[in-house]
Each structure stands twice: as structure tokens, then as C-alpha cells.
């Protein structure tokens, strides 16, 4: 009997050891894949562990995070709620994340309920920040519930041959042409895997025929600006069109995507090899990112009317308020950049501010943020600029802003603009994940909203 008992105990210990080794090996594989940016592959392993090993809080948290990073907000919301139910105070922000994602999904009443609950119960060291955010989002939910689309604004997804089978980003118009970033169609067609190892972004150019009608797109100076294994995106021209600013992004040794700002100068009809802007805004140690460059010019007030030129950009550089902040710095004709200046609390928050665009005609700065309230996700805001300083910000109307991510606002003229969004009408990928598509906005004197997919 003792011998049988000993054998059973030994069998139990060995079984537990094998299970633990299995779990440990799988965890290491998943963690390694996630660090390499292979989120789909990592997610499959984490979900397999959760299925076979039961309620493990850190696994639930990682699954929720990965679904969120892959923009599958429905599944991310589900896993954050599961974690909230079992977390016993270890992951209190799971309730906040659930509320935040419900807001993105347009479930404003549910989001409001959980923002109120979280605001009352959360006791963390950053309670002040989250209490302020909850109050902001509770107010936004109330406004959003009763919000009606502006009947004089139409939002239409532009044609399929511009919007590709992957994300399409950073649209802007210049001299009758549309420029944007996407993945070449031949790469997309031959690509068979998940988005983990998708080909790199490049910048395209298409002639505008009329309104949302465009000619077939071609790569813009690919031999000059494209580089193997680097994403090329977020382009903009200087005031005279002789300088082209853009971003290159590449993974550092830790697997983190680091973006840097470059500029190519045009001589007569040819473009020169890009120059990486100096270490005032680009990190030589590859620890922080700088991206979304745009040039702002204005006349300085005073006895001498001096023309000031600034480069505005988003960055995670030290000294910001949190996440990506919008910064500006002086820049001269030789591309020498001065010390960056944070655009302050009127523009920046403890979360992310991205895709700045400056309208010289309106003297307004447009940008996207997930830290100033709004309809959910990233929303587009504008701030009037006086003498280089931002004044009070204001969100753009519904339907320009939606509950989903809305960013990359860029005007063609005062009546027409582009945005990028993963709202309803954008195409979907694996597991109903919505991709970012380019939409065109028009101001039209209508009594009803036209929202096309």
C-alpha cells in the first residue's frame, strides 16, 4: 500500500513537473515572439495556455493587450473583463481598459458605468491622472450618446485601388496629387502569412482626377527614399515643395520600432539622397522615436516682421508629458534643427498626441489624441496658433470623429480633407480586425449626412 501511494505521489510530482516545464517553454516562446513583434503567433500560444492551464491573470492580461495592439477591440474588451472579474486588486486598471474599449466600440452607456465605478474605487499612485481621465470620459460619453452627425459634412472611403489590403496611412495632397503610405500590391498579393511579418510601408503618389477619384498610384521616388527592412511613411513637403520630409522606422536591438525623421532636397528635377535630421530630434541611441514631421511658417510679431520656420513632430523623447507628445523646433534652410520645445499641456496629455498638421490659411494646428476625451479612441482636435503658441483645443465634429481611431487629418483645401480611420466601412482582416483606410471629408450644404463605405 505504501509502495502504491509512493508511486502515485511520484507520478503526481512528475506530471506537475512536466506540466510546469510545458508551460514555461510555451511562455518563453510567446514572450520571445511578442518581443519580436510577432503578435499573432504569440497570441495563439498565450490563448492555448489559457485554455489548458485555467485562470492565470498575467496570461489573461497579455492576451488582452495583444488583442488591443492588433485592434481587435471586441476580443480585447472580453479578455479585460475576464481579468477584471478574477483579478482581486492585482490588475485594477483592467476595469478602466474595459470601459475605454467599450467607448471605442460605441457602447457609451456601458463605458460610462465602468468609468464611474473605476473612478470611485481605484487607489493607485496615479489616481489623480485616472480620476481626471474618468471625469473627462464620463462627460464625453454623455455628449456622445446624444450626438448627432453634422449634416453638412460627408465622410466617404476613397476607392479600393488607393486603399490596399493592408493599412493605408498618412494621406496628404500637394499640387493636385495625393501622397500616402501603403504596402506595394505585389508584396501584398504574394504575402501569405499573418500581419506579423508583413512587407514594409512605402510612399505612393496618385494624380487626383476629381474629388475622391484618383488615377492609379505609383511609388514616389522609391530609389531615393526607400530602404530595405525599413518602413517609409509620414511624408510632407516644405513650403516651396523643394524639400520632402518623411519618417523611416526600423526595429532596434530590443525589437522595438524606432522612427527617425529624414529630408530629401530637390535640385531642378532630381531628388538628392535623404539626410537624417540631427540628434536634437532623432535619437542616436535608438531609444525613442520621432515621427510625423510637418513644417509651420509664420510671421513673428514686432517691429521687424520676421518669418519663422518650425518643424512640428510627434516624439517619445524624454521631457514629454507621457506617450507621444507634439514638439516643435526651429529649422533653417540647411536643415539645422534647434532645441525642441514641447507644445505644452494645451496640446499634450499623459497619453498620445500624433499626426500634427498645420493649416497656414486657417493658422490652426490639427492633431489626434487619446488623452483629451472625445468620442473614443484617437480623436482629431484643432488648436489656433498665435505667434507660434497653441491656444485652447477643440474636437472636430461628428462624423469626422467617430468612436474608433481617427487620425492623419490633412486638408486639400478649406472644403475637403483626408483622414485615416478604422471606423465602420473600413476593410477587415483576420478575425474581423478592422484596418486603417483613407477617407475623404467634404463640407456640403446638405440636410442629411452621407457616410459611405
Protein backbone atom coordinates (compact mmCIF):
# COMPACT_ATOMS: atom_id res chain seq x y z
CA UNK A 1 0.00 0.00 0.00
CA UNK A 2 2.81 2.37 0.96
CA UNK A 3 4.59 1.47 -2.27
CA UNK A 4 1.45 2.22 -4.35
CA UNK A 5 0.98 5.53 -2.52
CA UNK A 6 4.60 6.46 -3.13
CA UNK A 7 4.24 5.66 -6.84
CA UNK A 8 1.09 7.81 -7.05
CA UNK A 9 2.83 10.74 -5.32
CA UNK A 10 5.84 10.35 -7.60
CA UNK A 11 3.56 10.22 -10.66
CA UNK A 12 1.76 13.39 -9.49
CA UNK A 13 5.06 15.22 -8.93
CA UNK A 14 6.41 14.17 -12.34
CA UNK A 15 3.14 15.18 -14.03
CA UNK A 16 3.22 18.58 -12.34
CA UNK A 17 6.86 18.99 -13.31
CA UNK A 18 6.13 18.14 -16.97
CA UNK A 19 3.14 20.50 -16.98
CA UNK A 20 5.24 23.28 -15.45
CA UNK A 21 8.04 22.69 -17.97
CA UNK A 22 5.48 22.72 -20.81
CA UNK A 23 4.00 25.97 -19.54
CA UNK A 24 7.45 27.52 -19.01
CA UNK A 25 8.62 26.57 -22.51
CA UNK A 26 5.43 27.87 -24.12
CA UNK A 27 5.63 31.09 -22.13
CA UNK A 28 9.21 31.71 -23.22
CA UNK A 29 8.23 31.10 -26.83
CA UNK A 30 5.28 33.52 -26.57
CA UNK A 31 7.32 36.20 -24.82
CA UNK A 32 10.07 35.93 -27.42
CA UNK A 33 7.61 36.20 -30.31
CA UNK A 34 5.89 39.20 -28.71
CA UNK A 35 9.26 40.97 -28.26
CA UNK A 36 9.98 40.39 -31.95
CA UNK A 37 6.64 42.00 -32.83
CA UNK A 38 5.09 38.70 -33.96
CA UNK A 39 1.85 39.35 -32.11
CA UNK A 40 -0.40 36.85 -33.91
CA UNK A 41 1.97 33.96 -33.22
CA UNK A 42 2.42 35.00 -29.58
CA UNK A 43 -1.33 35.36 -29.14
CA UNK A 44 -2.00 31.82 -30.37
CA UNK A 45 0.38 30.42 -27.74
CA UNK A 46 -0.98 32.54 -24.88
CA UNK A 47 -4.56 31.54 -25.73
CA UNK A 48 -3.53 27.87 -25.81
CA UNK A 49 -2.01 28.23 -22.32
CA UNK A 50 -5.17 29.97 -21.05
CA UNK A 51 -7.32 27.17 -22.50
CA UNK A 52 -5.28 24.36 -20.95
CA UNK A 53 -4.00 25.91 -17.72
CA UNK A 54 -7.08 27.76 -16.41
CA UNK A 55 -7.38 31.23 -14.93
CA UNK A 56 -3.90 32.79 -14.93
CA UNK A 57 -4.10 36.55 -14.50
CA UNK A 58 -0.86 37.55 -16.23
CA UNK A 59 -1.78 35.37 -19.23
CA UNK A 60 -5.23 36.98 -19.45
CA UNK A 61 -3.57 40.40 -19.30
CA UNK A 62 -1.13 39.58 -22.11
CA UNK A 63 -3.92 38.18 -24.30
CA UNK A 64 -6.00 41.33 -23.74
CA UNK A 65 -3.01 43.57 -24.53
CA UNK A 66 -2.18 41.71 -27.74
CA UNK A 67 -5.76 41.82 -28.99
CA UNK A 68 -5.76 45.56 -28.30
CA UNK A 69 -2.44 46.05 -30.13
CA UNK A 70 -3.95 44.17 -33.08
CA UNK A 71 -7.03 46.45 -32.98
CA UNK A 72 -9.39 43.58 -32.19
CA UNK A 73 -11.20 45.69 -29.62
CA UNK A 74 -14.13 43.30 -29.18
CA UNK A 75 -11.90 40.42 -28.08
CA UNK A 76 -9.58 42.70 -26.08
CA UNK A 77 -12.61 44.03 -24.20
CA UNK A 78 -13.75 40.47 -23.45
CA UNK A 79 -10.36 39.48 -22.00
CA UNK A 80 -10.02 42.68 -19.94
CA UNK A 81 -13.47 41.95 -18.48
CA UNK A 82 -12.46 38.35 -17.66
CA UNK A 83 -9.35 39.68 -15.95
CA UNK A 84 -11.37 42.29 -14.04
CA UNK A 85 -13.64 39.55 -12.69
CA UNK A 86 -10.78 37.44 -11.25
CA UNK A 87 -8.02 39.99 -10.59
CA UNK A 88 -8.68 40.61 -6.84
CA UNK A 89 -6.98 44.00 -6.91
CA UNK A 90 -3.85 42.90 -8.81
CA UNK A 91 -4.94 44.35 -12.16
CA UNK A 92 -7.33 47.17 -11.15
CA UNK A 93 -6.81 49.03 -14.44
CA UNK A 94 -8.46 46.15 -16.30
CA UNK A 95 -11.79 47.80 -15.42
CA UNK A 96 -10.60 51.08 -16.93
CA UNK A 97 -9.39 49.31 -20.07
CA UNK A 98 -12.74 47.55 -20.41
CA UNK A 99 -14.54 50.90 -20.18
CA UNK A 100 -12.12 52.52 -22.66
CA UNK A 101 -12.66 49.78 -25.25
CA UNK A 102 -16.44 49.81 -24.76
CA UNK A 103 -16.27 53.51 -25.60
CA UNK A 104 -14.32 52.77 -28.80
CA UNK A 105 -16.95 50.16 -29.70
CA UNK A 106 -19.61 52.86 -29.29
CA UNK A 107 -21.19 51.30 -26.19
CA UNK A 108 -21.25 54.62 -24.34
CA UNK A 109 -23.70 53.70 -21.55
CA UNK A 110 -21.66 50.62 -20.57
CA UNK A 111 -18.42 52.63 -20.79
CA UNK A 112 -19.88 55.38 -18.62
CA UNK A 113 -20.97 52.87 -15.95
CA UNK A 114 -17.49 51.33 -15.66
CA UNK A 115 -15.65 54.67 -15.79
CA UNK A 116 -17.78 55.78 -12.82
CA UNK A 117 -17.04 52.53 -10.96
CA UNK A 118 -13.30 52.70 -11.64
CA UNK A 119 -13.10 56.38 -10.67
CA UNK A 120 -14.67 55.58 -7.30
CA UNK A 121 -12.62 52.50 -6.43
CA UNK A 122 -9.14 52.97 -7.93
CA UNK A 123 -6.46 53.71 -5.29
CA UNK A 124 -3.21 53.55 -7.29
CA UNK A 125 -0.30 56.02 -7.16
CA UNK A 126 -1.56 57.64 -10.38
CA UNK A 127 -5.11 58.04 -9.06
CA UNK A 128 -5.12 61.78 -9.88
CA UNK A 129 -4.42 61.18 -13.57
CA UNK A 130 -7.03 58.44 -13.92
CA UNK A 131 -9.66 60.31 -11.87
CA UNK A 132 -9.24 63.26 -14.22
CA UNK A 133 -9.44 60.97 -17.28
CA UNK A 134 -12.56 59.20 -15.97
CA UNK A 135 -14.35 62.52 -15.40
CA UNK A 136 -13.34 63.57 -18.91
CA UNK A 137 -14.56 60.35 -20.49
CA UNK A 138 -17.80 60.25 -18.47
CA UNK A 139 -18.57 63.72 -19.82
CA UNK A 140 -17.59 62.58 -23.34
CA UNK A 141 -19.87 59.52 -23.09
CA UNK A 142 -22.82 61.72 -22.10
CA UNK A 143 -22.16 64.06 -25.04
CA UNK A 144 -21.62 61.15 -27.45
CA UNK A 145 -24.90 59.45 -26.51
CA UNK A 146 -26.85 62.49 -27.69
CA UNK A 147 -24.51 63.48 -30.50
CA UNK A 148 -25.95 63.94 -33.99
CA UNK A 149 -23.71 63.99 -37.10
CA UNK A 150 -23.14 67.38 -38.68
CA UNK A 151 -25.43 67.25 -41.73
CA UNK A 152 -23.09 69.47 -43.76
CA UNK A 153 -20.17 67.07 -43.55
CA UNK A 154 -19.83 63.89 -45.62
CA UNK A 155 -17.24 61.18 -44.99
CA UNK A 156 -16.50 58.74 -47.78
CA UNK A 157 -13.97 55.91 -48.07
CA UNK A 158 -11.83 56.51 -51.14
CA UNK A 159 -11.56 53.81 -53.85
CA UNK A 160 -10.15 50.32 -53.40
CA UNK A 161 -7.20 50.87 -55.72
CA UNK A 162 -5.94 53.54 -53.30
CA UNK A 163 -6.91 51.66 -50.12
CA UNK A 164 -4.97 48.39 -50.22
CA UNK A 165 -5.35 45.02 -48.49
CA UNK A 166 -3.29 46.33 -45.55
CA UNK A 167 -3.29 49.59 -43.57
CA UNK A 168 -3.10 52.81 -45.57
CA UNK A 169 -1.69 55.83 -43.79
CA UNK A 170 -0.52 59.47 -43.89
CA UNK A 171 -2.50 60.89 -46.84
CA UNK A 172 -1.82 64.46 -47.96
CA UNK A 173 -2.50 66.48 -51.10
CA UNK A 174 0.04 68.63 -52.92
CA UNK A 175 -0.26 70.25 -56.37
CA UNK A 176 -3.17 68.08 -57.50
CA UNK A 177 -1.67 64.82 -56.30
CA UNK A 178 -2.45 62.51 -53.39
CA UNK A 179 0.51 61.10 -51.44
CA UNK A 180 0.06 58.31 -48.90
CA UNK A 181 1.82 55.30 -47.36
CA UNK A 182 0.95 51.69 -48.06
CA UNK A 183 2.43 48.31 -48.93
CA UNK A 184 3.15 47.61 -52.62
CA UNK A 185 0.41 45.48 -54.19
CA UNK A 186 2.84 42.85 -55.48
CA UNK A 187 4.12 42.33 -51.92
CA UNK A 188 0.57 42.14 -50.56
CA UNK A 189 -0.54 39.64 -53.20
CA UNK A 190 2.39 37.28 -52.72
CA UNK A 191 2.36 37.63 -48.93
CA UNK A 192 0.75 34.56 -47.33
CA UNK A 193 1.32 34.91 -43.60
CA UNK A 194 -0.24 36.93 -40.81
CA UNK A 195 0.50 40.61 -40.35
CA UNK A 196 3.46 39.70 -38.10
CA UNK A 197 5.97 39.72 -40.96
CA UNK A 198 4.12 41.89 -43.46
CA UNK A 199 6.21 43.78 -46.06
CA UNK A 200 7.32 47.34 -45.38
CA UNK A 201 5.40 50.57 -45.97
CA UNK A 202 6.40 52.82 -48.86
CA UNK A 203 5.15 56.19 -50.10
CA UNK A 204 2.83 56.34 -53.11
CA UNK A 205 1.62 59.16 -55.36
CA UNK A 206 -1.62 59.35 -57.38
CA UNK A 207 -3.00 62.10 -59.62
CA UNK A 208 -6.37 63.40 -58.49
CA UNK A 209 -8.97 63.33 -61.24
CA UNK A 210 -11.90 64.78 -59.26
CA UNK A 211 -12.91 64.71 -55.60
CA UNK A 212 -12.45 61.09 -54.44
CA UNK A 213 -11.48 59.89 -57.92
CA UNK A 214 -7.78 59.22 -58.42
CA UNK A 215 -5.56 57.75 -61.09
CA UNK A 216 -3.56 54.59 -60.39
CA UNK A 217 -0.87 55.17 -57.78
CA UNK A 218 2.86 54.78 -58.33
CA UNK A 219 5.75 54.69 -55.87
CA UNK A 220 7.15 58.14 -55.11
CA UNK A 221 10.93 58.37 -55.74
CA UNK A 222 11.44 54.81 -54.38
CA UNK A 223 15.13 54.69 -55.35
CA UNK A 224 15.73 57.77 -53.15
CA UNK A 225 13.63 57.33 -50.02
CA UNK A 226 13.01 53.60 -49.65
CA UNK A 227 15.40 51.40 -47.72
CA UNK A 228 15.31 47.60 -47.19
CA UNK A 229 13.70 46.42 -43.91
CA UNK A 230 12.55 49.97 -43.04
CA UNK A 231 9.04 51.40 -43.08
CA UNK A 232 8.88 54.66 -45.06
CA UNK A 233 5.90 56.86 -44.23
CA UNK A 234 4.50 60.16 -42.92
CA UNK A 235 5.63 62.42 -45.76
CA UNK A 236 5.17 66.18 -46.15
CA UNK A 237 6.62 68.89 -48.38
CA UNK A 238 8.33 72.08 -47.29
CA UNK A 239 6.63 75.42 -48.15
CA UNK A 240 8.14 75.69 -51.65
CA UNK A 241 7.98 71.99 -52.48
CA UNK A 242 11.76 71.65 -52.73
CA UNK A 243 12.10 69.64 -49.52
CA UNK A 244 10.41 66.35 -48.73
CA UNK A 245 10.29 65.31 -45.08
CA UNK A 246 9.42 61.75 -44.10
CA UNK A 247 9.91 59.05 -41.49
CA UNK A 248 11.85 55.80 -41.55
CA UNK A 249 11.06 53.21 -38.89
CA UNK A 250 13.12 50.14 -38.07
CA UNK A 251 13.40 47.77 -35.12
CA UNK A 252 16.25 48.32 -32.67
CA UNK A 253 18.19 45.51 -30.99
CA UNK A 254 15.36 45.07 -28.48
CA UNK A 255 12.75 44.54 -31.21
CA UNK A 256 11.18 47.98 -30.67
CA UNK A 257 10.25 50.06 -33.72
CA UNK A 258 12.22 53.31 -33.70
CA UNK A 259 11.29 56.09 -36.12
CA UNK A 260 13.55 58.90 -37.34
CA UNK A 261 12.88 61.95 -39.47
CA UNK A 262 14.66 62.48 -42.81
CA UNK A 263 14.60 65.09 -45.56
CA UNK A 264 15.38 64.88 -49.28
CA UNK A 265 16.14 68.11 -51.17
CA UNK A 266 15.20 68.63 -54.80
CA UNK A 267 17.68 70.09 -57.29
CA UNK A 268 15.93 71.11 -60.52
CA UNK A 269 14.16 67.83 -61.45
CA UNK A 270 16.03 65.31 -59.28
CA UNK A 271 15.85 64.45 -55.60
CA UNK A 272 19.01 64.03 -53.52
CA UNK A 273 19.86 61.28 -51.07
CA UNK A 274 17.90 61.81 -47.81
CA UNK A 275 19.55 63.46 -44.85
CA UNK A 276 18.75 62.27 -41.34
CA UNK A 277 17.95 65.32 -39.20
CA UNK A 278 20.27 65.92 -36.28
CA UNK A 279 20.28 64.41 -32.80
CA UNK A 280 18.17 67.24 -31.40
CA UNK A 281 15.12 65.31 -32.62
CA UNK A 282 16.48 61.91 -33.74
CA UNK A 283 17.87 59.61 -31.06
CA UNK A 284 21.35 58.35 -31.92
CA UNK A 285 20.96 55.62 -29.26
CA UNK A 286 17.74 54.29 -30.82
CA UNK A 287 15.75 54.56 -27.60
CA UNK A 288 12.99 56.99 -28.60
CA UNK A 289 11.01 57.73 -31.77
CA UNK A 290 10.37 60.94 -33.68
CA UNK A 291 7.83 60.94 -36.50
CA UNK A 292 5.01 62.79 -38.35
CA UNK A 293 7.05 65.84 -39.46
CA UNK A 294 5.30 68.95 -40.85
CA UNK A 295 6.60 72.45 -41.45
CA UNK A 296 4.95 75.56 -39.94
CA UNK A 297 5.83 79.11 -41.03
CA UNK A 298 4.52 82.33 -39.51
CA UNK A 299 5.50 85.97 -39.18
CA UNK A 300 6.76 86.97 -35.79
CA UNK A 301 5.06 89.97 -34.29
CA UNK A 302 7.17 93.03 -33.60
CA UNK A 303 8.80 95.96 -35.32
CA UNK A 304 10.64 93.66 -37.69
CA UNK A 305 8.33 91.22 -39.42
CA UNK A 306 10.50 88.09 -39.31
CA UNK A 307 9.46 84.84 -41.00
CA UNK A 308 9.79 81.95 -38.55
CA UNK A 309 10.07 78.35 -39.74
CA UNK A 310 9.43 75.46 -37.36
CA UNK A 311 9.28 71.72 -37.76
CA UNK A 312 6.41 70.15 -35.80
CA UNK A 313 6.58 66.44 -35.00
CA UNK A 314 5.47 63.70 -32.59
CA UNK A 315 8.04 62.08 -30.33
CA UNK A 316 8.55 59.90 -27.28
CA UNK A 317 11.71 61.85 -26.37
CA UNK A 318 12.43 62.48 -22.68
CA UNK A 319 10.77 65.53 -21.13
CA UNK A 320 7.28 64.93 -22.51
CA UNK A 321 4.02 64.56 -20.61
CA UNK A 322 3.62 60.87 -21.49
CA UNK A 323 3.44 58.61 -24.55
CA UNK A 324 3.88 60.54 -27.79
CA UNK A 325 3.89 64.32 -27.42
CA UNK A 326 3.86 67.02 -30.09
CA UNK A 327 7.02 69.10 -30.21
CA UNK A 328 8.35 71.90 -32.38
CA UNK A 329 11.83 73.18 -33.17
CA UNK A 330 13.34 75.86 -35.36
CA UNK A 331 14.77 74.62 -38.67
CA UNK A 332 16.78 76.56 -41.23
CA UNK A 333 17.36 76.12 -44.95
CA UNK A 334 20.40 73.90 -44.26
CA UNK A 335 18.22 71.56 -42.16
CA UNK A 336 19.89 72.58 -38.90
CA UNK A 337 17.39 71.94 -36.13
CA UNK A 338 17.26 73.85 -32.85
CA UNK A 339 16.38 72.59 -29.39
CA UNK A 340 12.86 71.07 -29.41
CA UNK A 341 10.11 72.76 -27.42
CA UNK A 342 7.19 70.76 -26.06
CA UNK A 343 3.88 72.28 -27.18
CA UNK A 344 2.58 72.14 -23.64
CA UNK A 345 -0.47 70.93 -21.72
CA UNK A 346 -2.98 72.65 -24.00
CA UNK A 347 -1.95 70.19 -26.74
CA UNK A 348 -0.26 67.28 -24.97
CA UNK A 349 -1.61 64.88 -22.35
CA UNK A 350 -0.31 61.93 -20.36
CA UNK A 351 -1.31 59.68 -23.31
CA UNK A 352 -0.61 60.03 -27.08
CA UNK A 353 -0.70 63.03 -29.40
CA UNK A 354 0.05 62.17 -33.02
CA UNK A 355 -0.15 63.20 -36.71
CA UNK A 356 0.12 67.01 -36.46
CA UNK A 357 -0.95 69.08 -39.47
CA UNK A 358 -0.65 72.86 -39.74
CA UNK A 359 -3.09 74.86 -41.88
CA UNK A 360 -1.32 78.07 -42.88
CA UNK A 361 -4.59 79.50 -44.23
CA UNK A 362 -6.52 78.96 -41.01
CA UNK A 363 -3.50 79.24 -38.68
CA UNK A 364 -4.74 76.09 -36.96
CA UNK A 365 -2.83 73.06 -35.73
CA UNK A 366 -4.71 69.77 -36.18
CA UNK A 367 -3.64 66.61 -34.35
CA UNK A 368 -5.02 63.35 -32.94
CA UNK A 369 -5.11 62.35 -29.28
CA UNK A 370 -6.49 59.69 -26.95
CA UNK A 371 -5.90 61.83 -23.87
CA UNK A 372 -8.38 64.71 -24.24
CA UNK A 373 -11.72 62.90 -24.19
CA UNK A 374 -13.79 62.84 -27.37
CA UNK A 375 -15.86 60.09 -28.97
CA UNK A 376 -13.43 57.23 -28.23
CA UNK A 377 -10.03 56.00 -29.44
CA UNK A 378 -7.92 58.60 -31.21
CA UNK A 379 -9.91 61.75 -31.98
CA UNK A 380 -8.94 64.76 -34.09
CA UNK A 381 -8.56 68.15 -32.40
CA UNK A 382 -7.62 71.60 -33.57
CA UNK A 383 -5.89 74.48 -31.79
CA UNK A 384 -5.47 78.01 -33.09
CA UNK A 385 -1.83 79.09 -33.29
CA UNK A 386 -0.81 82.64 -32.44
CA UNK A 387 2.82 83.67 -32.67
CA UNK A 388 3.86 80.02 -32.54
CA UNK A 389 1.82 79.21 -29.42
CA UNK A 390 -1.21 76.92 -29.22
CA UNK A 391 -4.45 78.22 -27.75
CA UNK A 392 -7.49 76.28 -26.50
CA UNK A 393 -8.13 72.97 -28.30
CA UNK A 394 -11.44 71.82 -29.74
CA UNK A 395 -12.52 68.38 -31.06
CA UNK A 396 -13.78 68.18 -34.64
CA UNK A 397 -17.43 67.35 -35.28
CA UNK A 398 -19.14 64.01 -35.60
CA UNK A 399 -18.87 62.39 -38.23
CA UNK A 400 -15.22 63.47 -38.73
CA UNK A 401 -14.60 61.96 -35.31
CA UNK A 402 -16.08 58.56 -34.53
CA UNK A 403 -15.83 56.13 -31.61
CA UNK A 404 -12.94 54.42 -33.45
CA UNK A 405 -9.43 55.72 -34.21
CA UNK A 406 -9.44 58.86 -36.34
CA UNK A 407 -6.11 60.43 -37.25
CA UNK A 408 -3.91 61.87 -40.03
CA UNK A 409 -6.23 64.84 -40.68
CA UNK A 410 -4.85 66.77 -43.66
CA UNK A 411 -6.59 69.40 -45.79
CA UNK A 412 -6.71 69.52 -49.56
CA UNK A 413 -8.48 72.88 -49.26
CA UNK A 414 -10.92 74.53 -46.84
CA UNK A 415 -13.79 72.36 -48.11
CA UNK A 416 -12.02 68.99 -48.46
CA UNK A 417 -9.73 66.97 -46.21
CA UNK A 418 -8.42 63.45 -45.68
CA UNK A 419 -8.39 61.32 -42.54
CA UNK A 420 -7.35 57.76 -41.73
CA UNK A 421 -9.76 55.65 -39.70
CA UNK A 422 -10.69 52.08 -38.78
CA UNK A 423 -14.34 53.04 -38.34
CA UNK A 424 -17.28 51.11 -39.78
CA UNK A 425 -16.75 50.89 -43.52
CA UNK A 426 -13.01 50.25 -43.34
CA UNK A 427 -11.99 46.85 -44.62
CA UNK A 428 -11.34 43.97 -42.26
CA UNK A 429 -8.54 41.46 -41.97
CA UNK A 430 -8.06 38.23 -39.97
CA UNK A 431 -10.67 37.63 -37.26
CA UNK A 432 -12.67 40.77 -38.20
CA UNK A 433 -9.82 43.12 -37.31
CA UNK A 434 -10.52 46.50 -38.89
CA UNK A 435 -7.67 48.03 -40.84
CA UNK A 436 -6.88 51.72 -41.25
CA UNK A 437 -8.26 53.14 -44.50
CA UNK A 438 -8.18 56.59 -46.07
CA UNK A 439 -11.43 58.59 -46.04
CA UNK A 440 -12.24 61.88 -47.74
CA UNK A 441 -14.20 64.61 -45.91
CA UNK A 442 -16.28 67.20 -47.73
CA UNK A 443 -18.23 70.17 -46.43
CA UNK A 444 -21.56 70.10 -48.24
CA UNK A 445 -24.70 72.15 -47.69
CA UNK A 446 -26.97 69.16 -47.16
CA UNK A 447 -29.78 68.37 -44.79
CA UNK A 448 -28.56 64.86 -44.20
CA UNK A 449 -25.23 63.09 -43.71
CA UNK A 450 -23.77 60.93 -46.42
CA UNK A 451 -21.49 58.33 -44.88
CA UNK A 452 -20.35 55.81 -47.47
CA UNK A 453 -18.30 52.66 -47.14
